[in-house]
Amino acid sequence: MDTLATLRQLLAQHRPKHPNLGHPDHVRRRVAAYARGRIDLGIQRQAVADELGISPSCLFGWLRSCPALLPVQVVPDDQPVPGGLVLCSPKGFRVEGLQLHELQILLEKLG
């Protein structure tokens, strides 16, 4: 994770010549990641913007436009994969393990 000093330097290096041009995406993403970490610690968004030397509205916009990516861990599924077909209804019920002819009979009865 970037430090405050690193980000302030990065913001200064990439400060746009005109306010309407904005900072590059990679700068906004890094600032947003830092800000989320600070906000998660309970620090107010206004205070984080002040630390970084940017306006609160700028920070709020960057937080909205740079969604947080959450770490995921892929683990093997302990559940056996059911054999046969699976029917999921629009109302939310689920029937697993049917053979094609069984599914056809079920759909005819429900239909």
Protein backbone atom coordinates (compact mmCIF):
# COMPACT_ATOMS: atom_id res chain seq x y z
CA MET A 1 0.00 0.00 0.00
CA ASP A 2 1.19 3.50 -0.78
CA THR A 3 2.20 5.91 1.96
CA LEU A 4 0.75 9.37 2.34
CA ALA A 5 4.07 10.94 1.33
CA THR A 6 4.28 8.78 -1.81
CA LEU A 7 0.74 9.72 -2.84
CA ARG A 8 1.22 13.43 -2.19
CA GLN A 9 4.33 13.31 -4.37
CA LEU A 10 2.48 11.34 -7.06
CA LEU A 11 -0.39 13.85 -7.01
CA ALA A 12 2.06 16.73 -7.36
CA GLN A 13 3.89 15.04 -10.25
CA HIS A 14 0.67 14.39 -12.15
CA ARG A 15 -1.19 17.59 -11.29
CA PRO A 16 -3.06 18.58 -14.46
CA LYS A 17 -2.17 21.83 -16.19
CA HIS A 18 -5.86 22.66 -16.32
CA PRO A 19 -8.36 21.67 -13.56
CA ASN A 20 -10.79 20.15 -16.07
CA LEU A 21 -8.20 17.66 -17.35
CA GLY A 22 -8.03 15.63 -14.13
CA HIS A 23 -5.46 13.18 -12.86
CA PRO A 24 -4.57 9.94 -14.70
CA ASP A 25 -6.54 6.81 -13.86
CA HIS A 26 -3.60 5.05 -12.20
CA VAL A 27 -3.20 7.97 -9.77
CA ARG A 28 -6.91 8.03 -8.94
CA ARG A 29 -6.94 4.26 -8.31
CA ARG A 30 -3.97 4.42 -5.95
CA VAL A 31 -5.41 7.40 -4.06
CA ALA A 32 -8.82 5.69 -3.80
CA ALA A 33 -7.21 2.50 -2.41
CA TYR A 34 -5.31 4.51 0.20
CA ALA A 35 -8.42 6.52 1.10
CA ARG A 36 -10.52 3.38 1.55
CA GLY A 37 -7.93 2.01 3.96
CA ARG A 38 -8.00 5.23 6.00
CA ILE A 39 -11.81 5.39 5.96
CA ASP A 40 -11.95 1.74 7.11
CA LEU A 41 -9.88 2.85 10.12
CA GLY A 42 -12.63 5.34 11.00
CA ILE A 43 -11.04 8.49 9.61
CA GLN A 44 -13.51 10.96 8.08
CA ARG A 45 -13.43 11.38 4.30
CA GLN A 46 -12.92 15.11 4.72
CA ALA A 47 -9.82 14.45 6.85
CA VAL A 48 -8.44 12.00 4.29
CA ALA A 49 -8.93 14.55 1.51
CA ASP A 50 -7.16 17.16 3.63
CA GLU A 51 -4.25 14.77 4.26
CA LEU A 52 -3.88 14.19 0.54
CA GLY A 53 -4.22 17.84 -0.36
CA ILE A 54 -7.20 17.35 -2.67
CA SER A 55 -10.77 18.57 -2.42
CA PRO A 56 -13.34 16.35 -0.72
CA SER A 57 -15.50 16.36 -3.85
CA CYS A 58 -12.52 15.16 -5.88
CA LEU A 59 -11.87 12.32 -3.42
CA PHE A 60 -15.56 11.37 -3.28
CA GLY A 61 -15.66 11.21 -7.08
CA TRP A 62 -12.56 9.04 -7.21
CA LEU A 63 -13.97 6.68 -4.60
CA ARG A 64 -17.15 6.30 -6.68
CA SER A 65 -15.32 5.86 -10.00
CA CYS A 66 -12.70 3.42 -8.69
CA PRO A 67 -14.61 0.51 -7.17
CA ALA A 68 -12.87 -1.49 -4.49
CA LEU A 69 -11.66 -4.92 -5.44
CA LEU A 70 -11.93 -7.36 -2.62
CA PRO A 71 -9.51 -10.25 -2.24
CA VAL A 72 -11.00 -13.65 -2.89
CA GLN A 73 -9.74 -17.10 -2.14
CA VAL A 74 -10.72 -20.03 -4.32
CA VAL A 75 -11.13 -23.22 -2.35
CA PRO A 76 -12.18 -26.67 -3.47
CA ASP A 77 -15.87 -27.36 -3.09
CA ASP A 78 -16.55 -30.08 -0.53
CA GLN A 79 -20.02 -30.61 -1.94
CA PRO A 80 -20.27 -33.29 -4.62
CA VAL A 81 -21.56 -32.10 -7.95
CA PRO A 82 -25.06 -33.46 -8.42
CA GLY A 83 -25.68 -35.76 -11.34
CA GLY A 84 -28.44 -35.04 -13.77
CA LEU A 85 -30.15 -31.80 -14.62
CA VAL A 86 -31.00 -28.87 -12.37
CA LEU A 87 -34.23 -26.87 -12.58
CA CYS A 88 -34.28 -23.37 -11.06
CA SER A 89 -37.65 -21.64 -11.06
CA PRO A 90 -38.25 -17.89 -11.29
CA LYS A 91 -39.82 -18.11 -7.80
CA GLY A 92 -36.61 -19.50 -6.33
CA PHE A 93 -37.16 -23.22 -5.86
CA ARG A 94 -34.49 -25.59 -7.13
CA VAL A 95 -34.71 -29.25 -8.10
CA GLU A 96 -31.47 -31.16 -8.71
CA GLY A 97 -30.51 -34.56 -10.05
CA LEU A 98 -33.28 -35.05 -12.59
CA GLN A 99 -32.95 -37.06 -15.74
CA LEU A 100 -34.27 -35.51 -18.94
CA HIS A 101 -37.52 -37.53 -18.98
CA GLU A 102 -38.12 -36.68 -15.28
CA LEU A 103 -37.61 -32.99 -15.99
CA GLN A 104 -40.04 -33.20 -18.90
CA ILE A 105 -42.70 -34.81 -16.69
CA LEU A 106 -42.18 -32.20 -13.96
CA LEU A 107 -42.47 -29.31 -16.41
CA GLU A 108 -45.63 -30.81 -17.92
CA LYS A 109 -47.20 -31.11 -14.44
CA LEU A 110 -46.19 -27.57 -13.47
CA GLY A 111 -46.97 -26.04 -16.86
